All heavy atoms as atom14 arrays in JSON, in Angstrom:
{
  "sequence": "PDADFITNNCEFFYFMTGIPCNYLSNDEGDYLPGGSVSQILQDGTIL",
  "atom14_mask": [
    [1, 1, 1, 1, 1, 1, 1, 0, 0, 0, 0, 0, 0, 0],
    [1, 1, 1, 1, 1, 1, 1, 1, 0, 0, 0, 0, 0, 0],
    [1, 1, 1, 1, 1, 0, 0, 0, 0, 0, 0, 0, 0, 0],
    [1, 1, 1, 1, 1, 1, 1, 1, 0, 0, 0, 0, 0, 0],
    [1, 1, 1, 1, 1, 1, 1, 1, 1, 1, 1, 0, 0, 0],
    [1, 1, 1, 1, 1, 1, 1, 1, 0, 0, 0, 0, 0, 0],
    [1, 1, 1, 1, 1, 1, 1, 0, 0, 0, 0, 0, 0, 0],
    [1, 1, 1, 1, 1, 1, 1, 1, 0, 0, 0, 0, 0, 0],
    [1, 1, 1, 1, 1, 1, 1, 1, 0, 0, 0, 0, 0, 0],
    [1, 1, 1, 1, 1, 1, 0, 0, 0, 0, 0, 0, 0, 0],
    [1, 1, 1, 1, 1, 1, 1, 1, 1, 0, 0, 0, 0, 0],
    [1, 1, 1, 1, 1, 1, 1, 1, 1, 1, 1, 0, 0, 0],
    [1, 1, 1, 1, 1, 1, 1, 1, 1, 1, 1, 0, 0, 0],
    [1, 1, 1, 1, 1, 1, 1, 1, 1, 1, 1, 1, 0, 0],
    [1, 1, 1, 1, 1, 1, 1, 1, 1, 1, 1, 0, 0, 0],
    [1, 1, 1, 1, 1, 1, 1, 1, 0, 0, 0, 0, 0, 0],
    [1, 1, 1, 1, 1, 1, 1, 0, 0, 0, 0, 0, 0, 0],
    [1, 1, 1, 1, 0, 0, 0, 0, 0, 0, 0, 0, 0, 0],
    [1, 1, 1, 1, 1, 1, 1, 1, 0, 0, 0, 0, 0, 0],
    [1, 1, 1, 1, 1, 1, 1, 0, 0, 0, 0, 0, 0, 0],
    [1, 1, 1, 1, 1, 1, 0, 0, 0, 0, 0, 0, 0, 0],
    [1, 1, 1, 1, 1, 1, 1, 1, 0, 0, 0, 0, 0, 0],
    [1, 1, 1, 1, 1, 1, 1, 1, 1, 1, 1, 1, 0, 0],
    [1, 1, 1, 1, 1, 1, 1, 1, 0, 0, 0, 0, 0, 0],
    [1, 1, 1, 1, 1, 1, 0, 0, 0, 0, 0, 0, 0, 0],
    [1, 1, 1, 1, 1, 1, 1, 1, 0, 0, 0, 0, 0, 0],
    [1, 1, 1, 1, 1, 1, 1, 1, 0, 0, 0, 0, 0, 0],
    [1, 1, 1, 1, 1, 1, 1, 1, 1, 0, 0, 0, 0, 0],
    [1, 1, 1, 1, 0, 0, 0, 0, 0, 0, 0, 0, 0, 0],
    [1, 1, 1, 1, 1, 1, 1, 1, 0, 0, 0, 0, 0, 0],
    [1, 1, 1, 1, 1, 1, 1, 1, 1, 1, 1, 1, 0, 0],
    [1, 1, 1, 1, 1, 1, 1, 1, 0, 0, 0, 0, 0, 0],
    [1, 1, 1, 1, 1, 1, 1, 0, 0, 0, 0, 0, 0, 0],
    [1, 1, 1, 1, 0, 0, 0, 0, 0, 0, 0, 0, 0, 0],
    [1, 1, 1, 1, 0, 0, 0, 0, 0, 0, 0, 0, 0, 0],
    [1, 1, 1, 1, 1, 1, 0, 0, 0, 0, 0, 0, 0, 0],
    [1, 1, 1, 1, 1, 1, 1, 0, 0, 0, 0, 0, 0, 0],
    [1, 1, 1, 1, 1, 1, 0, 0, 0, 0, 0, 0, 0, 0],
    [1, 1, 1, 1, 1, 1, 1, 1, 1, 0, 0, 0, 0, 0],
    [1, 1, 1, 1, 1, 1, 1, 1, 0, 0, 0, 0, 0, 0],
    [1, 1, 1, 1, 1, 1, 1, 1, 0, 0, 0, 0, 0, 0],
    [1, 1, 1, 1, 1, 1, 1, 1, 1, 0, 0, 0, 0, 0],
    [1, 1, 1, 1, 1, 1, 1, 1, 0, 0, 0, 0, 0, 0],
    [1, 1, 1, 1, 0, 0, 0, 0, 0, 0, 0, 0, 0, 0],
    [1, 1, 1, 1, 1, 1, 1, 0, 0, 0, 0, 0, 0, 0],
    [1, 1, 1, 1, 1, 1, 1, 1, 0, 0, 0, 0, 0, 0],
    [1, 1, 1, 1, 1, 1, 1, 1, 0, 0, 0, 0, 0, 0]
  ],
  "atom14_positions": [
    [[17.24, 15.31, 93.34], [17.89, 14.01, 93.19], [18.62, 13.5, 94.43], [18.77, 12.29, 94.6], [18.86, 14.23, 92.03], [19.12, 15.7, 92.02], [17.85, 16.34, 92.5], [0.0, 0.0, 0.0], [0.0, 0.0, 0.0], [0.0, 0.0, 0.0], [0.0, 0.0, 0.0], [0.0, 0.0, 0.0], [0.0, 0.0, 0.0], [0.0, 0.0, 0.0]],
    [[19.07, 14.38, 95.29], [19.85, 13.95, 96.46], [19.09, 14.1, 97.77], [19.69, 14.02, 98.84], [21.16, 14.74, 96.53], [22.03, 14.51, 95.31], [22.08, 13.36, 94.84], [22.64, 15.48, 94.82], [0.0, 0.0, 0.0], [0.0, 0.0, 0.0], [0.0, 0.0, 0.0], [0.0, 0.0, 0.0], [0.0, 0.0, 0.0], [0.0, 0.0, 0.0]],
    [[17.79, 14.32, 97.7], [17.0, 14.59, 98.9], [16.8, 13.34, 99.73], [16.7, 12.23, 99.21], [15.65, 15.18, 98.51], [0.0, 0.0, 0.0], [0.0, 0.0, 0.0], [0.0, 0.0, 0.0], [0.0, 0.0, 0.0], [0.0, 0.0, 0.0], [0.0, 0.0, 0.0], [0.0, 0.0, 0.0], [0.0, 0.0, 0.0], [0.0, 0.0, 0.0]],
    [[16.74, 13.55, 101.04], [16.34, 12.51, 101.99], [14.94, 12.86, 102.47], [14.59, 14.03, 102.61], [17.29, 12.48, 103.19], [18.67, 11.97, 102.81], [18.76, 11.02, 102.01], [19.65, 12.53, 103.33], [0.0, 0.0, 0.0], [0.0, 0.0, 0.0], [0.0, 0.0, 0.0], [0.0, 0.0, 0.0], [0.0, 0.0, 0.0], [0.0, 0.0, 0.0]],
    [[14.15, 11.81, 102.73], [12.77, 12.02, 103.13], [12.44, 11.25, 104.39], [13.0, 10.18, 104.64], [11.82, 11.5, 102.03], [11.91, 12.25, 100.74], [12.79, 11.85, 99.76], [11.11, 13.36, 100.51], [12.88, 12.53, 98.56], [11.19, 14.05, 99.32], [12.08, 13.64, 98.34], [0.0, 0.0, 0.0], [0.0, 0.0, 0.0], [0.0, 0.0, 0.0]],
    [[11.51, 11.8, 105.16], [10.79, 11.06, 106.19], [9.32, 11.26, 105.88], [8.95, 12.23, 105.21], [11.12, 11.51, 107.63], [10.86, 13.0, 107.83], [12.54, 11.12, 108.01], [11.01, 13.47, 109.27], [0.0, 0.0, 0.0], [0.0, 0.0, 0.0], [0.0, 0.0, 0.0], [0.0, 0.0, 0.0], [0.0, 0.0, 0.0], [0.0, 0.0, 0.0]],
    [[8.49, 10.35, 106.34], [7.08, 10.44, 106.0], [6.22, 9.84, 107.09], [6.67, 8.99, 107.85], [6.8, 9.74, 104.66], [5.41, 9.88, 104.33], [7.16, 8.27, 104.71], [0.0, 0.0, 0.0], [0.0, 0.0, 0.0], [0.0, 0.0, 0.0], [0.0, 0.0, 0.0], [0.0, 0.0, 0.0], [0.0, 0.0, 0.0], [0.0, 0.0, 0.0]],
    [[4.99, 10.28, 107.14], [4.03, 9.72, 108.07], [3.29, 8.53, 107.46], [2.48, 7.9, 108.11], [3.03, 10.78, 108.55], [2.11, 11.25, 107.44], [2.54, 11.47, 106.32], [0.85, 11.42, 107.77], [0.0, 0.0, 0.0], [0.0, 0.0, 0.0], [0.0, 0.0, 0.0], [0.0, 0.0, 0.0], [0.0, 0.0, 0.0], [0.0, 0.0, 0.0]],
    [[3.56, 8.22, 106.18], [2.93, 7.09, 105.53], [3.91, 6.46, 104.54], [3.88, 6.74, 103.34], [1.64, 7.51, 104.82], [0.83, 6.33, 104.34], [1.37, 5.29, 104.0], [-0.47, 6.49, 104.3], [0.0, 0.0, 0.0], [0.0, 0.0, 0.0], [0.0, 0.0, 0.0], [0.0, 0.0, 0.0], [0.0, 0.0, 0.0], [0.0, 0.0, 0.0]],
    [[4.78, 5.62, 105.07], [5.85, 5.02, 104.27], [5.28, 4.16, 103.14], [5.8, 4.14, 102.03], [6.75, 4.2, 105.17], [8.44, 4.11, 104.57], [0.0, 0.0, 0.0], [0.0, 0.0, 0.0], [0.0, 0.0, 0.0], [0.0, 0.0, 0.0], [0.0, 0.0, 0.0], [0.0, 0.0, 0.0], [0.0, 0.0, 0.0], [0.0, 0.0, 0.0]],
    [[4.22, 3.43, 103.42], [3.63, 2.57, 102.4], [3.2, 3.38, 101.18], [3.52, 3.05, 100.03], [2.42, 1.83, 102.99], [1.68, 0.96, 102.01], [0.44, 0.36, 102.66], [0.55, -0.73, 103.24], [-0.63, 1.01, 102.58], [0.0, 0.0, 0.0], [0.0, 0.0, 0.0], [0.0, 0.0, 0.0], [0.0, 0.0, 0.0], [0.0, 0.0, 0.0]],
    [[2.47, 4.47, 101.39], [2.01, 5.31, 100.29], [3.19, 5.98, 99.6], [3.28, 6.03, 98.36], [1.02, 6.35, 100.8], [0.48, 7.26, 99.73], [-0.43, 6.77, 98.8], [0.88, 8.58, 99.65], [-0.94, 7.61, 97.8], [0.39, 9.41, 98.66], [-0.52, 8.93, 97.74], [0.0, 0.0, 0.0], [0.0, 0.0, 0.0], [0.0, 0.0, 0.0]],
    [[4.12, 6.52, 100.38], [5.28, 7.2, 99.82], [6.07, 6.25, 98.91], [6.43, 6.61, 97.79], [6.17, 7.76, 100.93], [7.37, 8.5, 100.43], [7.25, 9.83, 100.02], [8.61, 7.89, 100.34], [8.36, 10.52, 99.54], [9.71, 8.58, 99.87], [9.59, 9.9, 99.47], [0.0, 0.0, 0.0], [0.0, 0.0, 0.0], [0.0, 0.0, 0.0]],
    [[6.33, 5.05, 99.39], [7.09, 4.09, 98.58], [6.3, 3.69, 97.33], [6.86, 3.59, 96.24], [7.44, 2.84, 99.41], [8.27, 1.86, 98.63], [9.62, 2.12, 98.38], [7.72, 0.68, 98.14], [10.38, 1.23, 97.65], [8.48, -0.22, 97.41], [9.81, 0.07, 97.16], [10.57, -0.81, 96.43], [0.0, 0.0, 0.0], [0.0, 0.0, 0.0]],
    [[5.0, 3.48, 97.47], [4.17, 3.12, 96.33], [4.22, 4.21, 95.26], [4.32, 3.94, 94.06], [2.72, 2.89, 96.76], [1.83, 2.43, 95.65], [1.85, 1.11, 95.22], [0.96, 3.32, 95.03], [1.02, 0.69, 94.18], [0.14, 2.9, 93.99], [0.18, 1.58, 93.56], [0.0, 0.0, 0.0], [0.0, 0.0, 0.0], [0.0, 0.0, 0.0]],
    [[4.18, 5.48, 95.7], [4.16, 6.6, 94.75], [5.53, 6.92, 94.16], [5.61, 7.38, 93.02], [3.6, 7.85, 95.43], [2.15, 7.74, 95.83], [1.03, 7.44, 94.45], [1.22, 8.93, 93.52], [0.0, 0.0, 0.0], [0.0, 0.0, 0.0], [0.0, 0.0, 0.0], [0.0, 0.0, 0.0], [0.0, 0.0, 0.0], [0.0, 0.0, 0.0]],
    [[6.58, 6.69, 94.93], [7.91, 7.16, 94.49], [8.9, 6.04, 94.17], [9.85, 6.27, 93.43], [8.55, 8.03, 95.57], [8.87, 7.22, 96.72], [7.65, 9.19, 95.98], [0.0, 0.0, 0.0], [0.0, 0.0, 0.0], [0.0, 0.0, 0.0], [0.0, 0.0, 0.0], [0.0, 0.0, 0.0], [0.0, 0.0, 0.0], [0.0, 0.0, 0.0]],
    [[8.73, 4.89, 94.8], [9.73, 3.82, 94.67], [10.96, 4.08, 95.53], [11.93, 3.33, 95.48], [0.0, 0.0, 0.0], [0.0, 0.0, 0.0], [0.0, 0.0, 0.0], [0.0, 0.0, 0.0], [0.0, 0.0, 0.0], [0.0, 0.0, 0.0], [0.0, 0.0, 0.0], [0.0, 0.0, 0.0], [0.0, 0.0, 0.0], [0.0, 0.0, 0.0]],
    [[10.92, 5.12, 96.34], [12.05, 5.48, 97.21], [11.84, 4.87, 98.59], [10.81, 5.12, 99.22], [12.17, 7.02, 97.35], [12.44, 7.66, 95.98], [13.27, 7.38, 98.34], [12.37, 9.17, 96.0], [0.0, 0.0, 0.0], [0.0, 0.0, 0.0], [0.0, 0.0, 0.0], [0.0, 0.0, 0.0], [0.0, 0.0, 0.0], [0.0, 0.0, 0.0]],
    [[12.8, 4.07, 99.06], [12.69, 3.58, 100.43], [12.65, 4.78, 101.39], [13.28, 5.81, 101.14], [13.98, 2.77, 100.64], [14.41, 2.41, 99.25], [13.99, 3.57, 98.38], [0.0, 0.0, 0.0], [0.0, 0.0, 0.0], [0.0, 0.0, 0.0], [0.0, 0.0, 0.0], [0.0, 0.0, 0.0], [0.0, 0.0, 0.0], [0.0, 0.0, 0.0]],
    [[11.9, 4.64, 102.46], [11.72, 5.78, 103.34], [11.83, 5.38, 104.8], [11.91, 4.21, 105.13], [10.37, 6.43, 103.07], [8.99, 5.29, 103.2], [0.0, 0.0, 0.0], [0.0, 0.0, 0.0], [0.0, 0.0, 0.0], [0.0, 0.0, 0.0], [0.0, 0.0, 0.0], [0.0, 0.0, 0.0], [0.0, 0.0, 0.0], [0.0, 0.0, 0.0]],
    [[11.81, 6.4, 105.61], [11.91, 6.22, 107.06], [10.59, 6.63, 107.69], [10.08, 7.72, 107.44], [13.04, 7.07, 107.62], [14.37, 6.64, 107.08], [14.77, 5.49, 107.25], [15.06, 7.54, 106.41], [0.0, 0.0, 0.0], [0.0, 0.0, 0.0], [0.0, 0.0, 0.0], [0.0, 0.0, 0.0], [0.0, 0.0, 0.0], [0.0, 0.0, 0.0]],
    [[10.05, 5.74, 108.52], [8.83, 6.05, 109.26], [9.08, 7.12, 110.29], [10.16, 7.21, 110.86], [8.33, 4.8, 110.0], [7.63, 3.81, 109.14], [8.28, 2.67, 108.71], [6.31, 3.99, 108.77], [7.64, 1.74, 107.92], [5.65, 3.07, 107.98], [6.33, 1.93, 107.56], [5.69, 1.03, 106.78], [0.0, 0.0, 0.0], [0.0, 0.0, 0.0]],
    [[8.07, 7.9, 110.56], [8.14, 8.87, 111.64], [7.94, 8.15, 112.97], [7.26, 7.13, 113.06], [7.05, 9.93, 111.48], [7.28, 10.92, 110.35], [6.07, 11.85, 110.22], [8.53, 11.74, 110.6], [0.0, 0.0, 0.0], [0.0, 0.0, 0.0], [0.0, 0.0, 0.0], [0.0, 0.0, 0.0], [0.0, 0.0, 0.0], [0.0, 0.0, 0.0]],
    [[8.49, 8.71, 113.98], [8.4, 8.2, 115.34], [6.96, 8.3, 115.86], [6.19, 9.16, 115.45], [9.32, 9.02, 116.23], [9.09, 8.79, 117.58], [0.0, 0.0, 0.0], [0.0, 0.0, 0.0], [0.0, 0.0, 0.0], [0.0, 0.0, 0.0], [0.0, 0.0, 0.0], [0.0, 0.0, 0.0], [0.0, 0.0, 0.0], [0.0, 0.0, 0.0]],
    [[6.63, 7.44, 116.8], [5.35, 7.53, 117.51], [5.5, 8.21, 118.86], [4.56, 8.25, 119.64], [4.75, 6.14, 117.7], [4.2, 5.59, 116.4], [3.58, 6.31, 115.63], [4.42, 4.32, 116.16], [0.0, 0.0, 0.0], [0.0, 0.0, 0.0], [0.0, 0.0, 0.0], [0.0, 0.0, 0.0], [0.0, 0.0, 0.0], [0.0, 0.0, 0.0]],
    [[6.68, 8.73, 119.14], [6.96, 9.41, 120.4], [6.68, 10.9, 120.23], [7.37, 11.59, 119.46], [8.41, 9.18, 120.81], [8.77, 9.79, 122.14], [7.99, 10.63, 122.67], [9.84, 9.45, 122.66], [0.0, 0.0, 0.0], [0.0, 0.0, 0.0], [0.0, 0.0, 0.0], [0.0, 0.0, 0.0], [0.0, 0.0, 0.0], [0.0, 0.0, 0.0]],
    [[5.68, 11.41, 120.93], [5.29, 12.81, 120.82], [6.47, 13.77, 121.03], [6.57, 14.79, 120.37], [4.18, 13.15, 121.84], [2.86, 12.46, 121.57], [1.93, 13.23, 120.65], [2.24, 14.36, 120.25], [0.87, 12.67, 120.33], [0.0, 0.0, 0.0], [0.0, 0.0, 0.0], [0.0, 0.0, 0.0], [0.0, 0.0, 0.0], [0.0, 0.0, 0.0]],
    [[7.37, 13.42, 121.92], [8.5, 14.29, 122.23], [9.47, 14.49, 121.08], [10.19, 15.48, 121.03], [0.0, 0.0, 0.0], [0.0, 0.0, 0.0], [0.0, 0.0, 0.0], [0.0, 0.0, 0.0], [0.0, 0.0, 0.0], [0.0, 0.0, 0.0], [0.0, 0.0, 0.0], [0.0, 0.0, 0.0], [0.0, 0.0, 0.0], [0.0, 0.0, 0.0]],
    [[9.48, 13.56, 120.12], [10.38, 13.68, 118.98], [10.03, 14.84, 118.06], [10.83, 15.27, 117.25], [10.41, 12.38, 118.17], [11.13, 11.27, 118.91], [11.92, 11.57, 119.82], [10.9, 10.09, 118.55], [0.0, 0.0, 0.0], [0.0, 0.0, 0.0], [0.0, 0.0, 0.0], [0.0, 0.0, 0.0], [0.0, 0.0, 0.0], [0.0, 0.0, 0.0]],
    [[8.8, 15.37, 118.19], [8.35, 16.45, 117.33], [8.53, 17.82, 117.96], [8.34, 18.83, 117.3], [6.87, 16.23, 116.96], [6.68, 14.92, 116.24], [6.35, 13.77, 116.94], [6.9, 14.82, 114.89], [6.21, 12.55, 116.29], [6.77, 13.62, 114.23], [6.42, 12.48, 114.94], [6.3, 11.28, 114.29], [0.0, 0.0, 0.0], [0.0, 0.0, 0.0]],
    [[8.88, 17.84, 119.23], [9.08, 19.09, 119.94], [10.45, 19.67, 119.58], [11.32, 18.96, 119.08], [8.99, 18.85, 121.44], [7.66, 18.28, 121.93], [7.74, 17.96, 123.43], [6.51, 19.24, 121.64], [0.0, 0.0, 0.0], [0.0, 0.0, 0.0], [0.0, 0.0, 0.0], [0.0, 0.0, 0.0], [0.0, 0.0, 0.0], [0.0, 0.0, 0.0]],
    [[10.65, 20.97, 119.81], [11.98, 21.54, 119.56], [13.06, 20.72, 120.26], [12.92, 20.36, 121.43], [11.87, 22.95, 120.15], [10.4, 23.27, 120.07], [9.71, 21.95, 120.31], [0.0, 0.0, 0.0], [0.0, 0.0, 0.0], [0.0, 0.0, 0.0], [0.0, 0.0, 0.0], [0.0, 0.0, 0.0], [0.0, 0.0, 0.0], [0.0, 0.0, 0.0]],
    [[14.09, 20.39, 119.52], [15.17, 19.58, 120.06], [14.94, 18.09, 119.92], [15.83, 17.29, 120.15], [0.0, 0.0, 0.0], [0.0, 0.0, 0.0], [0.0, 0.0, 0.0], [0.0, 0.0, 0.0], [0.0, 0.0, 0.0], [0.0, 0.0, 0.0], [0.0, 0.0, 0.0], [0.0, 0.0, 0.0], [0.0, 0.0, 0.0], [0.0, 0.0, 0.0]],
    [[13.73, 17.68, 119.56], [13.42, 16.26, 119.37], [14.05, 15.72, 118.09], [14.47, 16.47, 117.21], [0.0, 0.0, 0.0], [0.0, 0.0, 0.0], [0.0, 0.0, 0.0], [0.0, 0.0, 0.0], [0.0, 0.0, 0.0], [0.0, 0.0, 0.0], [0.0, 0.0, 0.0], [0.0, 0.0, 0.0], [0.0, 0.0, 0.0], [0.0, 0.0, 0.0]],
    [[14.11, 14.41, 117.98], [14.82, 13.79, 116.86], [14.21, 14.12, 115.5], [14.95, 14.34, 114.53], [14.9, 12.27, 117.05], [13.62, 11.7, 117.03], [0.0, 0.0, 0.0], [0.0, 0.0, 0.0], [0.0, 0.0, 0.0], [0.0, 0.0, 0.0], [0.0, 0.0, 0.0], [0.0, 0.0, 0.0], [0.0, 0.0, 0.0], [0.0, 0.0, 0.0]],
    [[12.9, 14.18, 115.38], [12.29, 14.51, 114.09], [12.56, 15.96, 113.74], [12.94, 16.27, 112.6], [10.77, 14.21, 114.1], [10.1, 14.72, 112.83], [10.52, 12.71, 114.28], [0.0, 0.0, 0.0], [0.0, 0.0, 0.0], [0.0, 0.0, 0.0], [0.0, 0.0, 0.0], [0.0, 0.0, 0.0], [0.0, 0.0, 0.0], [0.0, 0.0, 0.0]],
    [[12.43, 16.84, 114.7], [12.74, 18.25, 114.45], [14.19, 18.41, 114.0], [14.49, 19.16, 113.07], [12.5, 19.09, 115.71], [11.13, 19.14, 116.02], [0.0, 0.0, 0.0], [0.0, 0.0, 0.0], [0.0, 0.0, 0.0], [0.0, 0.0, 0.0], [0.0, 0.0, 0.0], [0.0, 0.0, 0.0], [0.0, 0.0, 0.0], [0.0, 0.0, 0.0]],
    [[15.1, 17.68, 114.64], [16.51, 17.79, 114.29], [16.79, 17.27, 112.88], [17.54, 17.88, 112.12], [17.38, 17.02, 115.3], [18.86, 17.23, 115.1], [19.25, 18.69, 115.21], [18.95, 19.35, 116.19], [19.91, 19.22, 114.2], [0.0, 0.0, 0.0], [0.0, 0.0, 0.0], [0.0, 0.0, 0.0], [0.0, 0.0, 0.0], [0.0, 0.0, 0.0]],
    [[16.17, 16.16, 112.51], [16.35, 15.62, 111.16], [15.89, 16.63, 110.11], [16.54, 16.84, 109.09], [15.57, 14.29, 111.01], [16.25, 13.18, 111.81], [15.42, 13.88, 109.54], [15.41, 11.92, 111.96], [0.0, 0.0, 0.0], [0.0, 0.0, 0.0], [0.0, 0.0, 0.0], [0.0, 0.0, 0.0], [0.0, 0.0, 0.0], [0.0, 0.0, 0.0]],
    [[14.76, 17.29, 110.39], [14.26, 18.29, 109.46], [15.17, 19.51, 109.42], [15.44, 20.06, 108.35], [12.83, 18.7, 109.83], [11.8, 17.58, 109.65], [10.48, 17.97, 110.31], [11.6, 17.27, 108.18], [0.0, 0.0, 0.0], [0.0, 0.0, 0.0], [0.0, 0.0, 0.0], [0.0, 0.0, 0.0], [0.0, 0.0, 0.0], [0.0, 0.0, 0.0]],
    [[15.69, 19.92, 110.57], [16.63, 21.04, 110.6], [17.89, 20.72, 109.81], [18.52, 21.61, 109.24], [17.01, 21.38, 112.04], [15.93, 22.09, 112.79], [16.31, 22.36, 114.24], [17.29, 21.83, 114.77], [15.51, 23.17, 114.91], [0.0, 0.0, 0.0], [0.0, 0.0, 0.0], [0.0, 0.0, 0.0], [0.0, 0.0, 0.0], [0.0, 0.0, 0.0]],
    [[18.25, 19.45, 109.74], [19.45, 19.02, 109.01], [19.21, 18.89, 107.51], [20.12, 18.51, 106.77], [19.96, 17.69, 109.57], [20.51, 17.82, 110.98], [20.8, 18.96, 111.42], [20.66, 16.77, 111.65], [0.0, 0.0, 0.0], [0.0, 0.0, 0.0], [0.0, 0.0, 0.0], [0.0, 0.0, 0.0], [0.0, 0.0, 0.0], [0.0, 0.0, 0.0]],
    [[17.98, 19.17, 107.03], [17.73, 19.22, 105.6], [16.85, 18.12, 105.03], [16.58, 18.11, 103.83], [0.0, 0.0, 0.0], [0.0, 0.0, 0.0], [0.0, 0.0, 0.0], [0.0, 0.0, 0.0], [0.0, 0.0, 0.0], [0.0, 0.0, 0.0], [0.0, 0.0, 0.0], [0.0, 0.0, 0.0], [0.0, 0.0, 0.0], [0.0, 0.0, 0.0]],
    [[16.42, 17.19, 105.85], [15.51, 16.14, 105.37], [14.15, 16.75, 105.05], [13.7, 17.67, 105.73], [15.39, 15.03, 106.43], [16.68, 14.44, 106.62], [14.42, 13.95, 106.01], [0.0, 0.0, 0.0], [0.0, 0.0, 0.0], [0.0, 0.0, 0.0], [0.0, 0.0, 0.0], [0.0, 0.0, 0.0], [0.0, 0.0, 0.0], [0.0, 0.0, 0.0]],
    [[13.5, 16.23, 104.04], [12.18, 16.7, 103.62], [11.11, 15.81, 104.25], [11.23, 14.58, 104.23], [12.06, 16.68, 102.08], [13.08, 17.64, 101.47], [10.63, 17.02, 101.64], [13.19, 17.53, 99.96], [0.0, 0.0, 0.0], [0.0, 0.0, 0.0], [0.0, 0.0, 0.0], [0.0, 0.0, 0.0], [0.0, 0.0, 0.0], [0.0, 0.0, 0.0]],
    [[10.07, 16.44, 104.76], [8.92, 15.7, 105.27], [7.91, 15.53, 104.15], [7.45, 16.52, 103.57], [8.27, 16.44, 106.44], [6.93, 15.88, 106.93], [7.09, 14.45, 107.46], [6.32, 16.78, 107.98], [0.0, 0.0, 0.0], [0.0, 0.0, 0.0], [0.0, 0.0, 0.0], [0.0, 0.0, 0.0], [0.0, 0.0, 0.0], [0.0, 0.0, 0.0]]
  ]
}
């Protein structure tokens, strides 16, 4: 009930869940260790 999500397909995720979501970055570096997407996931967000 209290989960935060990021997704690679916000349109599908919202259609299936009704939960507003956050798009993933298009910057390759954000997925590397220390990158913003990696950090968000380390902080407990669900992909």
